[in-house]
Amino acid sequence: MADTQVLIFDPDAQWYSETLAQQCPGYGFLPAVTVEDALKVAADAEILCGLAPFIPVEMIQAMPKLKWVQALTTGVDHLLHMPELSTDVVITNTRGMHGPQMSELAVLMMLSLARQFPAMLANQETSTWKQWPQPLLQGKTVCIVGLGVIAEALAARCNPFGLRVTGVSDGRSAVEGFARIFKRSQIKEAAAEADFVVVIVPYGPETHHIIKADVLKAMKQSAYLINIARGGCVDQDAVTTALNSGEIAGAGLDVFNTEPLPETSPLWSAPNLIITPHIGGMSDCYAQQAQPIVADNLNAYVKGGAAALKNVIERPS
C-alpha cells in the first residue's frame, strides 16, 4: 500500500473516511465501527483516529506500525495511562471544538438552578400549580475558573444575558468579554463576589480540588457552583457538605471522581443539585465539529510529519 493507512474507529467511521478521502490526499482510510472490525485491519495502520476513552488496549497492541493517535476528544487520560502505548507515539486531541456544547450546558445549568426548574418539573408530575419569583441572569456575576477556548465561548454567550463575567487564571491577565481576571491565589475573592462559579479548568496536580471547602465557604449563600471540567477539580465531599448545610444555594455537576457516579454516592440525595452524566462535550453534530480538525492535522502530517501537528499532548518520556 503506497498511501499511509489511517484506521478510523468510530460509529461515524464511514462518514469520516469518505469526507477525509476527498480532502486529504496521500492516505488510505480503514473505517471500523466495532473493535472486531478494527482488529482485522489494525496491523496495516500508521495512524489511529478515534474517541480516546473507547480505544482498547488490544487495538493498540495490534498496531505495530502506529506512529500517531488522533483523539476525537479533548481528554486523553485513558491513553496517557496505557503502558502498552509507546511514548514514541504522538497523541493529538481536538482541543477547541467543544466550546458551543460545553457553554450551552453551563447556561442551561445556570438558568435551571436559578429558576428552580427541577422543582417545576416535579410539580408537573403531580399536577401542582405553584408560582415563585423567577430570578434573572441579567445583572448577576459569573466567575469562570480556567480561561481557555471553552471559557471564551461561554463568556461570549453570557454577555448577551447581561451577566458580568470574571475569570480565574494564572496564565492570562486580560481576555475580551471578561470584566476582571483574578489570579488563582485570589480564587476565594473571586468566588465571594460571584453568583455563579463555573469550573472549566484543565485537570492536573495544580488544579486538583481547586474548588474545596474554603472556596465554597467564601461563596455567597445565594450562589451556585457548576463543574463541567473534571471531577477531580472539585472536592465532592465538600460540595455535599455545602449543599446539605445550605452554605451555597445549589450546584450543577457534569463530572465526577468515579464515573458512572456510584448509586451509593451521597450526591444523589443532596438538595438543590443537578446531576448530568458527563454529557458536556457531546453534541448532535460531533463528527462535523471534529472532522475539520482531523483533516487539518492529516494534511499537516503528510507535509511535515509529527512536527507539523497541532494540539500535541506532551507525554512523559
C-alpha atoms as a PDB file:
ATOM      1  CA  MET A   1       0.000   0.000   0.000  1.00  0.00           C
ATOM      2  CA  ALA A   2       1.577   3.245  -1.136  1.00  0.00           C
ATOM      3  CA  ASP A   3      -0.629   5.560   0.887  1.00  0.00           C
ATOM      4  CA  THR A   4      -0.293   5.977   4.650  1.00  0.00           C
ATOM      5  CA  GLN A   5      -3.068   3.952   6.229  1.00  0.00           C
ATOM      6  CA  VAL A   6      -5.415   5.590   8.755  1.00  0.00           C
ATOM      7  CA  LEU A   7      -7.654   3.454  10.961  1.00  0.00           C
ATOM      8  CA  ILE A   8     -10.857   5.362  11.793  1.00  0.00           C
ATOM      9  CA  PHE A   9     -12.522   3.748  14.819  1.00  0.00           C
ATOM     10  CA  ASP A  10     -15.832   5.479  15.444  1.00  0.00           C
ATOM     11  CA  PRO A  11     -19.594   4.996  14.958  1.00  0.00           C
ATOM     12  CA  ASP A  12     -19.294   7.510  12.106  1.00  0.00           C
ATOM     13  CA  ALA A  13     -16.149   5.882  10.712  1.00  0.00           C
ATOM     14  CA  GLN A  14     -17.535   5.534   7.183  1.00  0.00           C
ATOM     15  CA  TRP A  15     -18.524   9.206   7.006  1.00  0.00           C
ATOM     16  CA  TYR A  16     -15.146  10.313   8.353  1.00  0.00           C
ATOM     17  CA  SER A  17     -13.380   8.108   5.822  1.00  0.00           C
ATOM     18  CA  GLU A  18     -15.397   9.346   2.851  1.00  0.00           C
ATOM     19  CA  THR A  19     -15.075  13.037   3.671  1.00  0.00           C
ATOM     20  CA  LEU A  20     -11.399  12.843   4.660  1.00  0.00           C
ATOM     21  CA  ALA A  21     -10.571  10.929   1.479  1.00  0.00           C
ATOM     22  CA  GLN A  22     -11.805  13.934  -0.526  1.00  0.00           C
ATOM     23  CA  GLN A  23      -9.767  16.454   1.463  1.00  0.00           C
ATOM     24  CA  CYS A  24      -6.602  14.584   2.436  1.00  0.00           C
ATOM     25  CA  PRO A  25      -4.588  13.064  -0.447  1.00  0.00           C
ATOM     26  CA  GLY A  26      -1.862  10.589   0.356  1.00  0.00           C
ATOM     27  CA  TYR A  27      -3.892   8.464   2.748  1.00  0.00           C
ATOM     28  CA  GLY A  28      -5.847   5.263   2.690  1.00  0.00           C
ATOM     29  CA  PHE A  29      -8.694   5.093   5.181  1.00  0.00           C
ATOM     30  CA  LEU A  30      -9.780   1.991   7.068  1.00  0.00           C
ATOM     31  CA  PRO A  31     -13.215   2.571   8.667  1.00  0.00           C
ATOM     32  CA  ALA A  32     -14.222   0.389  11.613  1.00  0.00           C
ATOM     33  CA  VAL A  33     -17.272   0.692  13.846  1.00  0.00           C
ATOM     34  CA  THR A  34     -16.559  -2.295  16.097  1.00  0.00           C
ATOM     35  CA  VAL A  35     -13.379  -3.423  17.824  1.00  0.00           C
ATOM     36  CA  GLU A  36     -13.575  -6.688  15.897  1.00  0.00           C
ATOM     37  CA  ASP A  37     -13.602  -4.853  12.568  1.00  0.00           C
ATOM     38  CA  ALA A  38     -10.749  -2.608  13.680  1.00  0.00           C
ATOM     39  CA  LEU A  39      -8.554  -5.532  14.725  1.00  0.00           C
ATOM     40  CA  LYS A  40      -8.871  -7.043  11.241  1.00  0.00           C
ATOM     41  CA  VAL A  41      -7.088  -4.079   9.637  1.00  0.00           C
ATOM     42  CA  ALA A  42      -5.133  -2.605  12.551  1.00  0.00           C
ATOM     43  CA  ALA A  43      -1.795  -4.113  11.563  1.00  0.00           C
ATOM     44  CA  ASP A  44      -1.650  -2.004   8.389  1.00  0.00           C
ATOM     45  CA  ALA A  45      -2.344   1.376  10.001  1.00  0.00           C
ATOM     46  CA  GLU A  46       0.212   4.013  10.916  1.00  0.00           C
ATOM     47  CA  ILE A  47      -2.415   6.408  12.277  1.00  0.00           C
ATOM     48  CA  LEU A  48      -5.343   5.727  14.604  1.00  0.00           C
ATOM     49  CA  CYS A  49      -8.272   8.120  14.850  1.00  0.00           C
ATOM     50  CA  GLY A  50     -10.973   7.573  17.464  1.00  0.00           C
ATOM     51  CA  LEU A  51     -12.646   8.587  20.711  1.00  0.00           C
ATOM     52  CA  ALA A  52      -9.845   8.195  23.262  1.00  0.00           C
ATOM     53  CA  PRO A  53     -11.847   6.604  26.120  1.00  0.00           C
ATOM     54  CA  PHE A  54     -13.096   3.826  23.843  1.00  0.00           C
ATOM     55  CA  ILE A  55      -9.769   2.779  22.319  1.00  0.00           C
ATOM     56  CA  PRO A  56      -8.953  -0.596  23.911  1.00  0.00           C
ATOM     57  CA  VAL A  57      -5.520  -1.927  24.768  1.00  0.00           C
ATOM     58  CA  GLU A  58      -5.860  -4.816  22.323  1.00  0.00           C
ATOM     59  CA  MET A  59      -6.249  -2.367  19.440  1.00  0.00           C
ATOM     60  CA  ILE A  60      -3.019  -0.587  20.354  1.00  0.00           C
ATOM     61  CA  GLN A  61      -1.247  -3.934  20.698  1.00  0.00           C
ATOM     62  CA  ALA A  62      -2.437  -4.918  17.222  1.00  0.00           C
ATOM     63  CA  MET A  63      -0.827  -1.863  15.582  1.00  0.00           C
ATOM     64  CA  PRO A  64       2.940  -2.416  15.227  1.00  0.00           C
ATOM     65  CA  LYS A  65       3.228   0.452  12.705  1.00  0.00           C
ATOM     66  CA  LEU A  66       1.414   3.007  14.893  1.00  0.00           C
ATOM     67  CA  LYS A  67       3.069   6.430  14.953  1.00  0.00           C
ATOM     68  CA  TRP A  68       0.228   8.828  15.764  1.00  0.00           C
ATOM     69  CA  VAL A  69      -3.110   8.733  17.592  1.00  0.00           C
ATOM     70  CA  GLN A  70      -5.560  11.495  16.667  1.00  0.00           C
ATOM     71  CA  ALA A  71      -8.069  11.509  19.510  1.00  0.00           C
ATOM     72  CA  LEU A  72     -11.548  12.752  18.664  1.00  0.00           C
ATOM     73  CA  THR A  73     -11.818  14.055  22.223  1.00  0.00           C
ATOM     74  CA  THR A  74     -10.056  16.673  24.299  1.00  0.00           C
ATOM     75  CA  GLY A  75      -9.448  14.307  27.185  1.00  0.00           C
ATOM     76  CA  VAL A  76      -6.824  11.609  26.537  1.00  0.00           C
ATOM     77  CA  ASP A  77      -6.215  10.401  30.103  1.00  0.00           C
ATOM     78  CA  HIS A  78      -7.113   6.865  29.084  1.00  0.00           C
ATOM     79  CA  LEU A  79      -4.280   6.815  26.562  1.00  0.00           C
ATOM     80  CA  LEU A  80      -1.747   8.512  28.805  1.00  0.00           C
ATOM     81  CA  HIS A  81      -2.241   5.810  31.422  1.00  0.00           C
ATOM     82  CA  MET A  82      -1.892   2.966  28.905  1.00  0.00           C
ATOM     83  CA  PRO A  83       1.628   1.473  29.255  1.00  0.00           C
ATOM     84  CA  GLU A  84       1.106  -0.519  26.051  1.00  0.00           C
ATOM     85  CA  LEU A  85       1.126   2.731  24.062  1.00  0.00           C
ATOM     86  CA  SER A  86       4.758   3.590  23.349  1.00  0.00           C
ATOM     87  CA  THR A  87       5.891   7.060  24.336  1.00  0.00           C
ATOM     88  CA  ASP A  88       7.233   7.357  20.794  1.00  0.00           C
ATOM     89  CA  VAL A  89       3.646   7.501  19.529  1.00  0.00           C
ATOM     90  CA  VAL A  90       2.390  11.082  19.139  1.00  0.00           C
ATOM     91  CA  ILE A  91      -1.024  11.891  20.615  1.00  0.00           C
ATOM     92  CA  THR A  92      -3.123  14.833  19.436  1.00  0.00           C
ATOM     93  CA  ASN A  93      -6.610  15.858  20.504  1.00  0.00           C
ATOM     94  CA  THR A  94      -9.484  18.005  19.247  1.00  0.00           C
ATOM     95  CA  ARG A  95      -8.993  20.876  21.656  1.00  0.00           C
ATOM     96  CA  GLY A  96     -11.094  23.892  20.741  1.00  0.00           C
ATOM     97  CA  MET A  97     -14.182  22.217  19.275  1.00  0.00           C
ATOM     98  CA  HIS A  98     -16.239  21.789  22.455  1.00  0.00           C
ATOM     99  CA  GLY A  99     -16.967  25.427  23.204  1.00  0.00           C
ATOM    100  CA  PRO A 100     -20.568  25.503  21.913  1.00  0.00           C
ATOM    101  CA  GLN A 101     -21.858  22.407  23.715  1.00  0.00           C
ATOM    102  CA  MET A 102     -19.947  22.991  26.956  1.00  0.00           C
ATOM    103  CA  SER A 103     -21.033  26.611  27.233  1.00  0.00           C
ATOM    104  CA  GLU A 104     -24.654  25.768  26.400  1.00  0.00           C
ATOM    105  CA  LEU A 105     -24.695  23.193  29.218  1.00  0.00           C
ATOM    106  CA  ALA A 106     -23.305  25.794  31.625  1.00  0.00           C
ATOM    107  CA  VAL A 107     -26.005  28.289  30.632  1.00  0.00           C
ATOM    108  CA  LEU A 108     -28.673  25.576  30.943  1.00  0.00           C
ATOM    109  CA  MET A 109     -27.481  24.828  34.468  1.00  0.00           C
ATOM    110  CA  MET A 110     -27.385  28.499  35.442  1.00  0.00           C
ATOM    111  CA  LEU A 111     -30.943  29.066  34.244  1.00  0.00           C
ATOM    112  CA  SER A 112     -32.262  25.810  35.710  1.00  0.00           C
ATOM    113  CA  LEU A 113     -30.639  26.304  39.122  1.00  0.00           C
ATOM    114  CA  ALA A 114     -31.623  29.942  39.500  1.00  0.00           C
ATOM    115  CA  ARG A 115     -35.237  29.346  38.455  1.00  0.00           C
ATOM    116  CA  GLN A 116     -35.544  26.024  40.374  1.00  0.00           C
ATOM    117  CA  PHE A 117     -36.581  24.322  37.178  1.00  0.00           C
ATOM    118  CA  PRO A 118     -36.278  20.776  38.606  1.00  0.00           C
ATOM    119  CA  ALA A 119     -38.943  21.745  41.164  1.00  0.00           C
ATOM    120  CA  MET A 120     -41.231  22.884  38.337  1.00  0.00           C
ATOM    121  CA  LEU A 121     -40.832  19.529  36.596  1.00  0.00           C
ATOM    122  CA  ALA A 122     -41.577  17.725  39.861  1.00  0.00           C
ATOM    123  CA  ASN A 123     -44.719  19.834  40.299  1.00  0.00           C
ATOM    124  CA  GLN A 124     -45.804  18.961  36.776  1.00  0.00           C
ATOM    125  CA  GLU A 125     -45.599  15.251  37.670  1.00  0.00           C
ATOM    126  CA  THR A 126     -48.098  15.826  40.499  1.00  0.00           C
ATOM    127  CA  SER A 127     -50.300  18.331  38.608  1.00  0.00           C
ATOM    128  CA  THR A 128     -49.275  21.033  41.092  1.00  0.00           C
ATOM    129  CA  TRP A 129     -49.663  24.694  40.084  1.00  0.00           C
ATOM    130  CA  LYS A 130     -47.177  26.736  42.105  1.00  0.00           C
ATOM    131  CA  GLN A 131     -45.536  30.020  41.231  1.00  0.00           C
ATOM    132  CA  TRP A 132     -42.492  31.764  42.646  1.00  0.00           C
ATOM    133  CA  PRO A 133     -40.391  34.784  41.598  1.00  0.00           C
ATOM    134  CA  GLN A 134     -38.104  33.994  38.684  1.00  0.00           C
ATOM    135  CA  PRO A 135     -34.526  35.303  39.077  1.00  0.00           C
ATOM    136  CA  LEU A 136     -32.841  36.813  36.045  1.00  0.00           C
ATOM    137  CA  LEU A 137     -29.295  36.228  34.887  1.00  0.00           C
ATOM    138  CA  GLN A 138     -29.172  39.909  33.993  1.00  0.00           C
ATOM    139  CA  GLY A 139     -27.059  41.826  36.475  1.00  0.00           C
ATOM    140  CA  LYS A 140     -25.527  38.705  38.038  1.00  0.00           C
ATOM    141  CA  THR A 141     -21.832  37.790  38.047  1.00  0.00           C
ATOM    142  CA  VAL A 142     -20.450  34.527  36.685  1.00  0.00           C
ATOM    143  CA  CYS A 143     -16.882  33.621  37.584  1.00  0.00           C
ATOM    144  CA  ILE A 144     -15.252  31.188  35.157  1.00  0.00           C
ATOM    145  CA  VAL A 145     -12.372  29.215  36.645  1.00  0.00           C
ATOM    146  CA  GLY A 146      -9.988  28.454  33.787  1.00  0.00           C
ATOM    147  CA  LEU A 147      -9.606  30.729  30.763  1.00  0.00           C
ATOM    148  CA  GLY A 148      -9.216  28.552  27.692  1.00  0.00           C
ATOM    149  CA  VAL A 149     -11.167  28.317  24.469  1.00  0.00           C
ATOM    150  CA  ILE A 150     -14.290  26.970  26.184  1.00  0.00           C
ATOM    151  CA  ALA A 151     -14.276  29.804  28.705  1.00  0.00           C
ATOM    152  CA  GLU A 152     -14.129  32.311  25.859  1.00  0.00           C
ATOM    153  CA  ALA A 153     -17.101  30.610  24.205  1.00  0.00           C
ATOM    154  CA  LEU A 154     -19.035  30.701  27.479  1.00  0.00           C
ATOM    155  CA  ALA A 155     -18.258  34.372  28.075  1.00  0.00           C
ATOM    156  CA  ALA A 156     -19.487  35.201  24.570  1.00  0.00           C
ATOM    157  CA  ARG A 157     -22.824  33.591  25.450  1.00  0.00           C
ATOM    158  CA  CYS A 158     -23.061  35.074  28.947  1.00  0.00           C
ATOM    159  CA  ASN A 159     -22.563  38.696  27.965  1.00  0.00           C
ATOM    160  CA  PRO A 160     -25.801  38.945  25.912  1.00  0.00           C
ATOM    161  CA  PHE A 161     -27.727  37.779  29.008  1.00  0.00           C
ATOM    162  CA  GLY A 162     -26.412  40.832  30.826  1.00  0.00           C
ATOM    163  CA  LEU A 163     -24.119  38.792  33.032  1.00  0.00           C
ATOM    164  CA  ARG A 164     -20.912  40.306  34.341  1.00  0.00           C
ATOM    165  CA  VAL A 165     -18.138  37.821  33.536  1.00  0.00           C
ATOM    166  CA  THR A 166     -14.983  37.378  35.611  1.00  0.00           C
ATOM    167  CA  GLY A 167     -12.293  34.719  35.428  1.00  0.00           C
ATOM    168  CA  VAL A 168      -9.609  32.933  37.397  1.00  0.00           C
ATOM    169  CA  SER A 169      -6.300  32.225  35.671  1.00  0.00           C
ATOM    170  CA  ASP A 170      -2.577  32.427  36.255  1.00  0.00           C
ATOM    171  CA  GLY A 171      -1.867  32.369  32.541  1.00  0.00           C
ATOM    172  CA  ARG A 172      -3.905  35.274  31.208  1.00  0.00           C
ATOM    173  CA  SER A 173      -4.450  38.771  32.599  1.00  0.00           C
ATOM    174  CA  ALA A 174      -6.862  40.194  30.020  1.00  0.00           C
ATOM    175  CA  VAL A 175      -9.412  38.447  27.814  1.00  0.00           C
ATOM    176  CA  GLU A 176     -12.131  40.002  25.667  1.00  0.00           C
ATOM    177  CA  GLY A 177     -15.540  39.712  27.308  1.00  0.00           C
ATOM    178  CA  PHE A 178     -14.189  39.470  30.863  1.00  0.00           C
ATOM    179  CA  ALA A 179     -14.678  42.340  33.290  1.00  0.00           C
ATOM    180  CA  ARG A 180     -11.883  41.167  35.587  1.00  0.00           C
ATOM    181  CA  ILE A 181      -9.404  38.289  35.866  1.00  0.00           C
ATOM    182  CA  PHE A 182      -8.183  37.040  39.232  1.00  0.00           C
ATOM    183  CA  LYS A 183      -5.050  35.023  39.967  1.00  0.00           C
ATOM    184  CA  ARG A 184      -5.572  31.517  41.332  1.00  0.00           C
ATOM    185  CA  SER A 185      -4.308  32.798  44.673  1.00  0.00           C
ATOM    186  CA  GLN A 186      -7.323  35.156  44.649  1.00  0.00           C
ATOM    187  CA  ILE A 187      -9.905  32.462  43.948  1.00  0.00           C
ATOM    188  CA  LYS A 188     -11.728  32.976  47.241  1.00  0.00           C
ATOM    189  CA  GLU A 189     -12.061  36.691  46.482  1.00  0.00           C
ATOM    190  CA  ALA A 190     -13.354  35.853  43.014  1.00  0.00           C
ATOM    191  CA  ALA A 191     -15.831  33.305  44.371  1.00  0.00           C
ATOM    192  CA  ALA A 192     -17.070  35.677  47.065  1.00  0.00           C
ATOM    193  CA  GLU A 193     -18.438  38.198  44.578  1.00  0.00           C
ATOM    194  CA  ALA A 194     -19.906  35.674  42.125  1.00  0.00           C
ATOM    195  CA  ASP A 195     -23.475  34.444  41.766  1.00  0.00           C
ATOM    196  CA  PHE A 196     -22.260  31.503  39.675  1.00  0.00           C
ATOM    197  CA  VAL A 197     -18.851  29.815  39.781  1.00  0.00           C
ATOM    198  CA  VAL A 198     -18.247  27.716  36.657  1.00  0.00           C
ATOM    199  CA  VAL A 199     -15.258  25.360  36.619  1.00  0.00           C
ATOM    200  CA  ILE A 200     -13.717  24.701  33.183  1.00  0.00           C
ATOM    201  CA  VAL A 201     -10.032  24.478  34.136  1.00  0.00           C
ATOM    202  CA  PRO A 202      -7.971  21.508  32.840  1.00  0.00           C
ATOM    203  CA  TYR A 203      -7.331  18.866  35.482  1.00  0.00           C
ATOM    204  CA  GLY A 204      -3.834  18.283  36.856  1.00  0.00           C
ATOM    205  CA  PRO A 205      -1.861  18.386  40.103  1.00  0.00           C
ATOM    206  CA  GLU A 206      -2.125  22.188  40.264  1.00  0.00           C
ATOM    207  CA  THR A 207      -5.909  22.172  39.815  1.00  0.00           C
ATOM    208  CA  HIS A 208      -6.763  19.142  41.954  1.00  0.00           C
ATOM    209  CA  HIS A 209      -9.554  20.346  44.284  1.00  0.00           C
ATOM    210  CA  ILE A 210      -9.110  23.930  43.117  1.00  0.00           C
ATOM    211  CA  ILE A 211     -12.658  24.241  44.460  1.00  0.00           C
ATOM    212  CA  LYS A 212     -12.580  22.982  48.046  1.00  0.00           C
ATOM    213  CA  ALA A 213     -14.218  23.782  51.365  1.00  0.00           C
ATOM    214  CA  ASP A 214     -12.616  27.197  51.852  1.00  0.00           C
ATOM    215  CA  VAL A 215     -13.706  28.374  48.401  1.00  0.00           C
ATOM    216  CA  LEU A 216     -17.252  27.122  48.978  1.00  0.00           C
ATOM    217  CA  LYS A 217     -17.348  28.920  52.333  1.00  0.00           C
ATOM    218  CA  ALA A 218     -16.274  32.122  50.586  1.00  0.00           C
ATOM    219  CA  MET A 219     -19.215  31.917  48.174  1.00  0.00           C
ATOM    220  CA  LYS A 220     -22.496  33.705  48.881  1.00  0.00           C
ATOM    221  CA  GLN A 221     -25.294  31.563  50.287  1.00  0.00           C
ATOM    222  CA  SER A 222     -27.294  32.557  47.217  1.00  0.00           C
ATOM    223  CA  ALA A 223     -24.575  31.408  44.799  1.00  0.00           C
ATOM    224  CA  TYR A 224     -24.294  28.282  42.647  1.00  0.00           C
ATOM    225  CA  LEU A 225     -21.352  26.065  41.686  1.00  0.00           C
ATOM    226  CA  ILE A 226     -21.135  24.412  38.257  1.00  0.00           C
ATOM    227  CA  ASN A 227     -18.439  21.899  37.322  1.00  0.00           C
ATOM    228  CA  ILE A 228     -18.077  20.879  33.672  1.00  0.00           C
ATOM    229  CA  ALA A 229     -14.295  20.331  33.819  1.00  0.00           C
ATOM    230  CA  ARG A 230     -13.150  17.122  35.540  1.00  0.00           C
ATOM    231  CA  GLY A 231     -14.364  15.548  38.762  1.00  0.00           C
ATOM    232  CA  GLY A 232     -11.023  15.989  40.498  1.00  0.00           C
ATOM    233  CA  CYS A 233     -11.144  19.785  40.104  1.00  0.00           C
ATOM    234  CA  VAL A 234     -13.803  19.910  42.828  1.00  0.00           C
ATOM    235  CA  ASP A 235     -13.830  18.379  46.305  1.00  0.00           C
ATOM    236  CA  GLN A 236     -17.062  16.371  46.021  1.00  0.00           C
ATOM    237  CA  ASP A 237     -17.300  15.740  49.781  1.00  0.00           C
ATOM    238  CA  ALA A 238     -17.046  19.469  50.439  1.00  0.00           C
ATOM    239  CA  VAL A 239     -19.776  20.144  47.868  1.00  0.00           C
ATOM    240  CA  THR A 240     -22.061  17.581  49.517  1.00  0.00           C
ATOM    241  CA  THR A 241     -21.487  19.241  52.892  1.00  0.00           C
ATOM    242  CA  ALA A 242     -22.063  22.733  51.480  1.00  0.00           C
ATOM    243  CA  LEU A 243     -25.348  21.680  49.863  1.00  0.00           C
ATOM    244  CA  ASN A 244     -26.667  19.849  52.908  1.00  0.00           C
ATOM    245  CA  SER A 245     -25.812  22.748  55.209  1.00  0.00           C
ATOM    246  CA  GLY A 246     -27.196  25.422  52.885  1.00  0.00           C
ATOM    247  CA  GLU A 247     -23.772  27.016  52.610  1.00  0.00           C
ATOM    248  CA  ILE A 248     -24.424  27.541  48.885  1.00  0.00           C
ATOM    249  CA  ALA A 249     -27.765  27.693  47.095  1.00  0.00           C
ATOM    250  CA  GLY A 250     -27.128  24.793  44.738  1.00  0.00           C
ATOM    251  CA  ALA A 251     -24.828  23.148  42.239  1.00  0.00           C
ATOM    252  CA  GLY A 252     -24.702  21.558  38.801  1.00  0.00           C
ATOM    253  CA  LEU A 253     -22.211  18.732  38.297  1.00  0.00           C
ATOM    254  CA  ASP A 254     -21.486  17.015  34.983  1.00  0.00           C
ATOM    255  CA  VAL A 255     -18.237  15.295  36.003  1.00  0.00           C
ATOM    256  CA  PHE A 256     -17.260  13.131  38.962  1.00  0.00           C
ATOM    257  CA  ASN A 257     -14.342  11.343  40.615  1.00  0.00           C
ATOM    258  CA  THR A 258     -15.811   7.987  39.610  1.00  0.00           C
ATOM    259  CA  GLU A 259     -17.956   7.598  36.515  1.00  0.00           C
ATOM    260  CA  PRO A 260     -20.655   6.448  36.291  1.00  0.00           C
ATOM    261  CA  LEU A 261     -21.450   8.080  39.631  1.00  0.00           C
ATOM    262  CA  PRO A 262     -21.967   5.175  42.073  1.00  0.00           C
ATOM    263  CA  GLU A 263     -25.515   4.572  43.265  1.00  0.00           C
ATOM    264  CA  THR A 264     -24.238   4.888  46.834  1.00  0.00           C
ATOM    265  CA  SER A 265     -22.858   8.405  46.321  1.00  0.00           C
ATOM    266  CA  PRO A 266     -24.386  10.941  48.752  1.00  0.00           C
ATOM    267  CA  LEU A 267     -24.536  13.396  45.866  1.00  0.00           C
ATOM    268  CA  TRP A 268     -27.661  11.659  44.521  1.00  0.00           C
ATOM    269  CA  SER A 269     -29.652  12.809  47.546  1.00  0.00           C
ATOM    270  CA  ALA A 270     -28.022  16.218  48.048  1.00  0.00           C
ATOM    271  CA  PRO A 271     -30.506  19.120  47.874  1.00  0.00           C
ATOM    272  CA  ASN A 272     -30.582  21.622  45.020  1.00  0.00           C
ATOM    273  CA  LEU A 273     -28.163  19.630  42.895  1.00  0.00           C
ATOM    274  CA  ILE A 274     -28.475  18.962  39.177  1.00  0.00           C
ATOM    275  CA  ILE A 275     -26.527  15.866  38.075  1.00  0.00           C
ATOM    276  CA  THR A 276     -25.822  15.242  34.393  1.00  0.00           C
ATOM    277  CA  PRO A 277     -23.949  12.121  33.172  1.00  0.00           C
ATOM    278  CA  HIS A 278     -20.809  13.714  31.689  1.00  0.00           C
ATOM    279  CA  ILE A 279     -22.573  14.999  28.591  1.00  0.00           C
ATOM    280  CA  GLY A 280     -20.862  18.386  28.403  1.00  0.00           C
ATOM    281  CA  GLY A 281     -18.721  17.521  25.393  1.00  0.00           C
ATOM    282  CA  MET A 282     -21.480  15.807  23.445  1.00  0.00           C
ATOM    283  CA  SER A 283     -23.409  17.281  20.545  1.00  0.00           C
ATOM    284  CA  ASP A 284     -25.695  16.156  17.734  1.00  0.00           C
ATOM    285  CA  CYS A 285     -23.087  17.275  15.193  1.00  0.00           C
ATOM    286  CA  TYR A 286     -19.935  15.977  16.885  1.00  0.00           C
ATOM    287  CA  ALA A 287     -18.382  14.400  13.802  1.00  0.00           C
ATOM    288  CA  GLN A 288     -18.951  17.567  11.783  1.00  0.00           C
ATOM    289  CA  GLN A 289     -17.188  19.548  14.531  1.00  0.00           C
ATOM    290  CA  ALA A 290     -14.208  17.195  14.791  1.00  0.00           C
ATOM    291  CA  GLN A 291     -13.645  16.426  11.124  1.00  0.00           C
ATOM    292  CA  PRO A 292     -12.048  19.769  10.114  1.00  0.00           C
ATOM    293  CA  ILE A 293      -9.509  19.447  12.947  1.00  0.00           C
ATOM    294  CA  VAL A 294      -8.624  15.927  11.833  1.00  0.00           C
ATOM    295  CA  ALA A 295      -8.366  16.993   8.188  1.00  0.00           C
ATOM    296  CA  ASP A 296      -6.048  19.892   9.012  1.00  0.00           C
ATOM    297  CA  ASN A 297      -3.758  17.628  11.007  1.00  0.00           C
ATOM    298  CA  LEU A 298      -3.671  14.929   8.331  1.00  0.00           C
ATOM    299  CA  ASN A 299      -2.709  17.493   5.706  1.00  0.00           C
ATOM    300  CA  ALA A 300      -0.062  18.913   8.019  1.00  0.00           C
ATOM    301  CA  TYR A 301       1.328  15.439   8.756  1.00  0.00           C
ATOM    302  CA  VAL A 302       1.724  14.467   5.122  1.00  0.00           C
ATOM    303  CA  LYS A 303       3.762  17.624   4.521  1.00  0.00           C
ATOM    304  CA  GLY A 304       5.771  17.998   7.720  1.00  0.00           C
ATOM    305  CA  GLY A 305       5.403  14.852   9.767  1.00  0.00           C
ATOM    306  CA  ALA A 306       4.750  14.817  13.511  1.00  0.00           C
ATOM    307  CA  ALA A 307       6.490  18.184  13.989  1.00  0.00           C
ATOM    308  CA  ALA A 308       3.730  19.866  11.968  1.00  0.00           C
ATOM    309  CA  LEU A 309       0.832  18.515  14.040  1.00  0.00           C
ATOM    310  CA  LYS A 310      -1.395  20.763  16.166  1.00  0.00           C
ATOM    311  CA  ASN A 311      -2.835  20.002  19.619  1.00  0.00           C
ATOM    312  CA  VAL A 312       0.015  17.662  20.501  1.00  0.00           C
ATOM    313  CA  ILE A 313      -0.229  16.258  24.028  1.00  0.00           C
ATOM    314  CA  GLU A 314       3.013  16.321  25.997  1.00  0.00           C
ATOM    315  CA  ARG A 315       3.924  12.843  27.160  1.00  0.00           C
ATOM    316  CA  PRO A 316       6.489  11.747  29.735  1.00  0.00           C
ATOM    317  CA  SER A 317       9.410  10.013  28.082  1.00  0.00           C
END
